[in-house]
Amino acid sequence: MNNQIIFSLLILITVVLNTLAQNLLKLGAGQNPLNIYLLGGIISYGLSAIFYVVVLAKLNLSVAYPIVIGLTIIVTMITGAVILREKILFSQWLGMGLMLSGIGAIALGKH
């Protein structure tokens, strides 16, 4: 595998772990402070931080942060709709489209 594919996988793993953490924390919110969802969310955040540090070692912060956080926001909104049955408004879909175009511009600009 070449470095570009490995690096893209590291970003994807970071985004998936961040998204998982968000969903688990939402599921655990309002329950007993010591529940499996909150524990899973905290562990997911910890693991995502480790992968994010690896990403930062290879990419400028001004590129890495908007890509990872932007993709996390988009994937979290979609999983919130699918898993948590939250409604996504038209304005949110529009915002996701704008974010994707911004992320694309940032990612292309790194070359």
N, C-alpha and C. Protein backbone atom coordinates (compact mmCIF):
# COMPACT_ATOMS: atom_id res chain seq x y z
N MET A 1 0.84 -1.18 0.00
CA MET A 1 0.00 0.00 0.00
C MET A 1 0.89 1.24 0.00
N ASN A 2 0.47 2.24 -0.76
CA ASN A 2 1.29 3.44 -0.76
C ASN A 2 0.91 4.34 0.41
N ASN A 3 1.76 5.34 0.65
CA ASN A 3 1.57 6.21 1.81
C ASN A 3 0.27 7.01 1.76
N GLN A 4 -0.16 7.41 0.58
CA GLN A 4 -1.40 8.18 0.44
C GLN A 4 -2.61 7.38 0.93
N ILE A 5 -2.66 6.10 0.60
CA ILE A 5 -3.78 5.25 1.04
C ILE A 5 -3.73 5.06 2.54
N ILE A 6 -2.55 4.80 3.08
CA ILE A 6 -2.41 4.61 4.52
C ILE A 6 -2.81 5.89 5.26
N PHE A 7 -2.35 7.03 4.75
CA PHE A 7 -2.67 8.30 5.38
C PHE A 7 -4.17 8.58 5.34
N SER A 8 -4.80 8.29 4.22
CA SER A 8 -6.26 8.47 4.10
C SER A 8 -7.00 7.56 5.07
N LEU A 9 -6.50 6.34 5.26
CA LEU A 9 -7.11 5.42 6.23
C LEU A 9 -6.98 5.95 7.66
N LEU A 10 -5.84 6.56 7.98
CA LEU A 10 -5.66 7.14 9.31
C LEU A 10 -6.67 8.26 9.56
N ILE A 11 -6.89 9.10 8.56
CA ILE A 11 -7.88 10.17 8.68
C ILE A 11 -9.27 9.56 8.84
N LEU A 12 -9.58 8.56 8.04
CA LEU A 12 -10.89 7.91 8.12
C LEU A 12 -11.11 7.26 9.49
N ILE A 13 -10.11 6.60 10.02
CA ILE A 13 -10.23 5.97 11.35
C ILE A 13 -10.47 7.03 12.41
N THR A 14 -9.75 8.16 12.32
CA THR A 14 -9.94 9.25 13.26
C THR A 14 -11.37 9.78 13.21
N VAL A 15 -11.90 9.97 12.01
CA VAL A 15 -13.26 10.48 11.83
C VAL A 15 -14.28 9.47 12.37
N VAL A 16 -14.10 8.20 12.07
CA VAL A 16 -15.04 7.16 12.54
C VAL A 16 -15.03 7.09 14.07
N LEU A 17 -13.86 7.13 14.69
CA LEU A 17 -13.79 7.08 16.15
C LEU A 17 -14.41 8.32 16.79
N ASN A 18 -14.18 9.50 16.19
CA ASN A 18 -14.81 10.73 16.69
C ASN A 18 -16.33 10.63 16.59
N THR A 19 -16.81 10.15 15.46
CA THR A 19 -18.25 10.01 15.25
C THR A 19 -18.85 9.00 16.22
N LEU A 20 -18.18 7.89 16.39
CA LEU A 20 -18.63 6.88 17.35
C LEU A 20 -18.72 7.48 18.75
N ALA A 21 -17.70 8.25 19.13
CA ALA A 21 -17.70 8.89 20.45
C ALA A 21 -18.90 9.81 20.61
N GLN A 22 -19.19 10.62 19.60
CA GLN A 22 -20.33 11.54 19.68
C GLN A 22 -21.64 10.79 19.87
N ASN A 23 -21.83 9.74 19.09
CA ASN A 23 -23.08 8.97 19.19
C ASN A 23 -23.20 8.26 20.53
N LEU A 24 -22.11 7.70 21.01
CA LEU A 24 -22.15 7.03 22.31
C LEU A 24 -22.42 8.01 23.44
N LEU A 25 -21.79 9.18 23.39
CA LEU A 25 -22.04 10.18 24.42
C LEU A 25 -23.49 10.64 24.41
N LYS A 26 -24.07 10.79 23.23
CA LYS A 26 -25.48 11.17 23.13
C LYS A 26 -26.38 10.09 23.74
N LEU A 27 -26.07 8.82 23.42
CA LEU A 27 -26.86 7.72 23.97
C LEU A 27 -26.74 7.63 25.49
N GLY A 28 -25.57 8.01 26.02
CA GLY A 28 -25.36 7.92 27.46
C GLY A 28 -25.78 9.16 28.23
N ALA A 29 -26.08 10.23 27.52
CA ALA A 29 -26.46 11.48 28.19
C ALA A 29 -27.79 11.32 28.92
N GLY A 30 -27.86 11.91 30.11
CA GLY A 30 -29.10 11.87 30.87
C GLY A 30 -29.32 10.58 31.63
N GLN A 31 -28.36 9.68 31.59
CA GLN A 31 -28.46 8.43 32.34
C GLN A 31 -27.54 8.51 33.55
N ASN A 32 -27.41 7.40 34.21
CA ASN A 32 -26.46 7.27 35.30
C ASN A 32 -25.08 7.72 34.78
N PRO A 33 -24.34 8.54 35.55
CA PRO A 33 -23.05 9.03 35.07
C PRO A 33 -22.04 7.93 34.72
N LEU A 34 -22.22 6.76 35.28
CA LEU A 34 -21.33 5.65 34.97
C LEU A 34 -22.09 4.61 34.16
N ASN A 35 -22.21 4.87 32.85
CA ASN A 35 -22.89 3.90 32.00
C ASN A 35 -21.99 3.51 30.84
N ILE A 36 -22.32 2.43 30.20
CA ILE A 36 -21.48 1.85 29.16
C ILE A 36 -21.33 2.78 27.95
N TYR A 37 -22.37 3.55 27.66
CA TYR A 37 -22.30 4.47 26.52
C TYR A 37 -21.26 5.57 26.76
N LEU A 38 -21.31 6.17 27.95
CA LEU A 38 -20.35 7.21 28.27
C LEU A 38 -18.94 6.67 28.30
N LEU A 39 -18.76 5.50 28.89
CA LEU A 39 -17.44 4.89 28.92
C LEU A 39 -16.94 4.60 27.50
N GLY A 40 -17.80 4.07 26.67
CA GLY A 40 -17.43 3.81 25.28
C GLY A 40 -17.10 5.08 24.53
N GLY A 41 -17.84 6.15 24.78
CA GLY A 41 -17.58 7.43 24.14
C GLY A 41 -16.23 8.00 24.54
N ILE A 42 -15.91 7.91 25.81
CA ILE A 42 -14.63 8.41 26.30
C ILE A 42 -13.47 7.60 25.72
N ILE A 43 -13.62 6.30 25.68
CA ILE A 43 -12.58 5.44 25.09
C ILE A 43 -12.42 5.75 23.60
N SER A 44 -13.52 5.94 22.90
CA SER A 44 -13.46 6.26 21.47
C SER A 44 -12.74 7.59 21.24
N TYR A 45 -13.02 8.57 22.09
CA TYR A 45 -12.32 9.86 21.98
C TYR A 45 -10.82 9.68 22.20
N GLY A 46 -10.47 8.89 23.20
CA GLY A 46 -9.05 8.65 23.47
C GLY A 46 -8.35 8.01 22.30
N LEU A 47 -8.98 7.01 21.71
CA LEU A 47 -8.38 6.34 20.55
C LEU A 47 -8.30 7.29 19.35
N SER A 48 -9.32 8.11 19.17
CA SER A 48 -9.29 9.05 18.04
C SER A 48 -8.17 10.06 18.23
N ALA A 49 -7.90 10.46 19.46
CA ALA A 49 -6.81 11.41 19.72
C ALA A 49 -5.47 10.80 19.34
N ILE A 50 -5.30 9.52 19.62
CA ILE A 50 -4.04 8.85 19.26
C ILE A 50 -3.86 8.84 17.75
N PHE A 51 -4.90 8.48 17.01
CA PHE A 51 -4.81 8.47 15.55
C PHE A 51 -4.62 9.88 15.01
N TYR A 52 -5.25 10.87 15.63
CA TYR A 52 -5.13 12.25 15.18
C TYR A 52 -3.71 12.76 15.34
N VAL A 53 -3.05 12.37 16.41
CA VAL A 53 -1.64 12.76 16.60
C VAL A 53 -0.77 12.19 15.49
N VAL A 54 -1.05 10.96 15.07
CA VAL A 54 -0.31 10.36 13.95
C VAL A 54 -0.56 11.16 12.67
N VAL A 55 -1.81 11.57 12.46
CA VAL A 55 -2.14 12.39 11.29
C VAL A 55 -1.39 13.72 11.35
N LEU A 56 -1.36 14.35 12.53
CA LEU A 56 -0.68 15.63 12.68
C LEU A 56 0.81 15.54 12.43
N ALA A 57 1.38 14.37 12.67
CA ALA A 57 2.82 14.19 12.42
C ALA A 57 3.14 14.27 10.93
N LYS A 58 2.15 14.06 10.08
CA LYS A 58 2.39 14.01 8.65
C LYS A 58 1.71 15.14 7.86
N LEU A 59 0.87 15.93 8.52
CA LEU A 59 0.10 16.94 7.81
C LEU A 59 0.04 18.22 8.64
N ASN A 60 0.04 19.36 7.97
CA ASN A 60 -0.07 20.64 8.67
C ASN A 60 -1.38 20.72 9.43
N LEU A 61 -1.34 21.35 10.59
CA LEU A 61 -2.55 21.52 11.41
C LEU A 61 -3.63 22.28 10.63
N SER A 62 -3.22 23.27 9.85
CA SER A 62 -4.18 24.09 9.10
C SER A 62 -4.90 23.29 8.02
N VAL A 63 -4.41 22.10 7.70
CA VAL A 63 -5.06 21.21 6.75
C VAL A 63 -5.76 20.07 7.49
N ALA A 64 -5.06 19.48 8.45
CA ALA A 64 -5.59 18.32 9.17
C ALA A 64 -6.86 18.65 9.95
N TYR A 65 -6.85 19.74 10.69
CA TYR A 65 -7.98 20.06 11.55
C TYR A 65 -9.28 20.25 10.76
N PRO A 66 -9.30 21.11 9.72
CA PRO A 66 -10.56 21.27 9.00
C PRO A 66 -11.04 19.99 8.32
N ILE A 67 -10.11 19.17 7.84
CA ILE A 67 -10.52 17.92 7.19
C ILE A 67 -11.13 16.96 8.21
N VAL A 68 -10.43 16.71 9.30
CA VAL A 68 -10.90 15.75 10.30
C VAL A 68 -12.18 16.24 10.97
N ILE A 69 -12.19 17.48 11.42
CA ILE A 69 -13.37 17.98 12.13
C ILE A 69 -14.55 18.16 11.18
N GLY A 70 -14.29 18.68 9.99
CA GLY A 70 -15.37 18.85 9.01
C GLY A 70 -16.03 17.53 8.65
N LEU A 71 -15.20 16.52 8.36
CA LEU A 71 -15.76 15.21 8.04
C LEU A 71 -16.48 14.59 9.24
N THR A 72 -15.93 14.83 10.43
CA THR A 72 -16.59 14.32 11.64
C THR A 72 -17.98 14.94 11.79
N ILE A 73 -18.10 16.23 11.56
CA ILE A 73 -19.40 16.89 11.67
C ILE A 73 -20.39 16.29 10.69
N ILE A 74 -19.95 16.10 9.45
CA ILE A 74 -20.84 15.57 8.41
C ILE A 74 -21.27 14.15 8.73
N VAL A 75 -20.31 13.30 9.07
CA VAL A 75 -20.63 11.90 9.35
C VAL A 75 -21.48 11.79 10.63
N THR A 76 -21.21 12.64 11.61
CA THR A 76 -22.00 12.63 12.84
C THR A 76 -23.44 13.04 12.57
N MET A 77 -23.65 14.02 11.71
CA MET A 77 -25.02 14.41 11.38
C MET A 77 -25.76 13.27 10.70
N ILE A 78 -25.08 12.59 9.79
CA ILE A 78 -25.73 11.49 9.07
C ILE A 78 -26.01 10.32 10.01
N THR A 79 -25.04 9.95 10.85
CA THR A 79 -25.28 8.84 11.78
C THR A 79 -26.31 9.22 12.84
N GLY A 80 -26.37 10.51 13.20
CA GLY A 80 -27.41 10.95 14.13
C GLY A 80 -28.79 10.74 13.54
N ALA A 81 -28.90 10.97 12.24
CA ALA A 81 -30.19 10.75 11.58
C ALA A 81 -30.51 9.27 11.47
N VAL A 82 -29.52 8.46 11.15
CA VAL A 82 -29.76 7.02 10.95
C VAL A 82 -29.90 6.28 12.27
N ILE A 83 -28.96 6.49 13.18
CA ILE A 83 -28.94 5.73 14.44
C ILE A 83 -29.90 6.32 15.48
N LEU A 84 -29.86 7.64 15.63
CA LEU A 84 -30.65 8.29 16.68
C LEU A 84 -32.00 8.81 16.18
N ARG A 85 -32.27 8.63 14.89
CA ARG A 85 -33.54 9.04 14.29
C ARG A 85 -33.76 10.56 14.38
N GLU A 86 -32.66 11.33 14.33
CA GLU A 86 -32.78 12.78 14.33
C GLU A 86 -33.08 13.27 12.91
N LYS A 87 -33.85 14.33 12.83
CA LYS A 87 -34.23 14.88 11.54
C LYS A 87 -33.16 15.87 11.08
N ILE A 88 -32.77 15.77 9.80
CA ILE A 88 -31.83 16.72 9.22
C ILE A 88 -32.63 17.68 8.34
N LEU A 89 -32.54 18.95 8.65
CA LEU A 89 -33.27 19.97 7.90
C LEU A 89 -32.56 20.29 6.59
N PHE A 90 -33.30 20.92 5.68
CA PHE A 90 -32.72 21.30 4.39
C PHE A 90 -31.49 22.19 4.59
N SER A 91 -31.58 23.13 5.52
CA SER A 91 -30.45 24.03 5.77
C SER A 91 -29.22 23.26 6.24
N GLN A 92 -29.43 22.18 6.98
CA GLN A 92 -28.30 21.36 7.41
C GLN A 92 -27.68 20.60 6.23
N TRP A 93 -28.53 20.09 5.33
CA TRP A 93 -28.02 19.44 4.12
C TRP A 93 -27.22 20.44 3.29
N LEU A 94 -27.72 21.64 3.19
CA LEU A 94 -27.02 22.69 2.46
C LEU A 94 -25.67 22.98 3.12
N GLY A 95 -25.68 23.08 4.43
CA GLY A 95 -24.43 23.30 5.17
C GLY A 95 -23.43 22.18 4.96
N MET A 96 -23.92 20.94 4.93
CA MET A 96 -23.03 19.80 4.67
C MET A 96 -22.40 19.91 3.28
N GLY A 97 -23.19 20.31 2.30
CA GLY A 97 -22.66 20.48 0.95
C GLY A 97 -21.58 21.54 0.91
N LEU A 98 -21.84 22.65 1.59
CA LEU A 98 -20.83 23.72 1.64
C LEU A 98 -19.57 23.25 2.36
N MET A 99 -19.76 22.50 3.43
CA MET A 99 -18.59 21.98 4.16
C MET A 99 -17.79 21.04 3.29
N LEU A 100 -18.47 20.17 2.55
CA LEU A 100 -17.75 19.24 1.67
C LEU A 100 -16.95 19.98 0.61
N SER A 101 -17.52 21.05 0.06
CA SER A 101 -16.77 21.80 -0.94
C SER A 101 -15.57 22.50 -0.30
N GLY A 102 -15.73 22.99 0.93
CA GLY A 102 -14.60 23.59 1.64
C GLY A 102 -13.52 22.58 1.97
N ILE A 103 -13.94 21.41 2.44
CA ILE A 103 -12.97 20.35 2.75
C ILE A 103 -12.22 19.94 1.49
N GLY A 104 -12.96 19.83 0.38
CA GLY A 104 -12.34 19.47 -0.88
C GLY A 104 -11.30 20.50 -1.30
N ALA A 105 -11.64 21.79 -1.15
CA ALA A 105 -10.69 22.84 -1.52
C ALA A 105 -9.44 22.80 -0.64
N ILE A 106 -9.63 22.56 0.64
CA ILE A 106 -8.48 22.47 1.56
C ILE A 106 -7.62 21.26 1.22
N ALA A 107 -8.26 20.12 0.98
CA ALA A 107 -7.52 18.89 0.67
C ALA A 107 -6.76 19.03 -0.65
N LEU A 108 -7.38 19.63 -1.64
CA LEU A 108 -6.70 19.82 -2.93
C LEU A 108 -5.58 20.84 -2.81
N GLY A 109 -5.75 21.82 -1.94
CA GLY A 109 -4.75 22.85 -1.77
C GLY A 109 -3.46 22.35 -1.15
N LYS A 110 -3.50 21.20 -0.47
CA LYS A 110 -2.30 20.67 0.18
C LYS A 110 -1.30 20.11 -0.83
N HIS A 111 -1.76 19.86 -2.06
CA HIS A 111 -0.85 19.33 -3.08
C HIS A 111 -0.20 20.50 -3.72
